[in-house]
């Protein structure tokens, strides 16, 4: 009986974490679409 309750509690916690993660991902979708400026250094080949 105790094991069933513990397993149920773990399943509820996992489901809650999944829902929280999914909600955060959906809300942060606009932020993920923004372009981030990147500065790349030019590669210089040594003369010789």
Protein backbone atom coordinates (compact mmCIF):
# COMPACT_ATOMS: atom_id res chain seq x y z
CA UNK A 1 0.00 0.00 0.00
CA UNK A 2 2.80 2.41 0.93
CA UNK A 3 4.67 1.59 -2.26
CA UNK A 4 1.61 2.44 -4.37
CA UNK A 5 1.30 5.82 -2.66
CA UNK A 6 5.00 6.56 -3.15
CA UNK A 7 4.86 5.54 -6.81
CA UNK A 8 1.82 7.75 -7.33
CA UNK A 9 3.57 10.69 -5.66
CA UNK A 10 6.63 10.24 -7.89
CA UNK A 11 4.44 10.01 -10.99
CA UNK A 12 2.64 13.23 -10.01
CA UNK A 13 5.95 15.03 -9.44
CA UNK A 14 7.28 13.90 -12.82
CA UNK A 15 4.07 14.99 -14.55
CA UNK A 16 4.21 18.37 -12.83
CA UNK A 17 7.83 18.86 -13.92
CA UNK A 18 6.90 17.94 -17.49
CA UNK A 19 3.98 20.37 -17.58
CA UNK A 20 6.14 23.13 -16.09
CA UNK A 21 8.88 22.55 -18.66
CA UNK A 22 6.42 22.44 -21.55
CA UNK A 23 4.73 25.64 -20.40
CA UNK A 24 8.05 27.44 -20.04
CA UNK A 25 9.13 26.27 -23.49
CA UNK A 26 5.90 27.50 -25.09
CA UNK A 27 6.06 30.86 -23.36
CA UNK A 28 9.74 31.31 -24.27
CA UNK A 29 9.16 30.53 -27.94
CA UNK A 30 9.21 34.22 -28.90
CA UNK A 31 12.54 34.73 -27.20
CA UNK A 32 14.04 31.74 -29.00
CA UNK A 33 13.20 33.27 -32.39
CA UNK A 34 15.26 36.42 -31.79
CA UNK A 35 18.56 36.65 -33.62
CA UNK A 36 21.65 37.07 -31.50
CA UNK A 37 24.48 39.14 -32.98
CA UNK A 38 27.65 37.13 -33.33
CA UNK A 39 31.08 38.56 -33.99
CA UNK A 40 33.42 36.19 -35.78
CA UNK A 41 37.13 36.82 -36.01
CA UNK A 42 38.63 36.68 -39.51
CA UNK A 43 41.03 33.77 -39.95
CA UNK A 44 44.47 34.93 -40.99
CA UNK A 45 46.83 32.54 -42.67
CA UNK A 46 50.49 33.03 -41.76
CA UNK A 47 52.67 34.14 -44.66
CA UNK A 48 55.43 31.76 -45.45
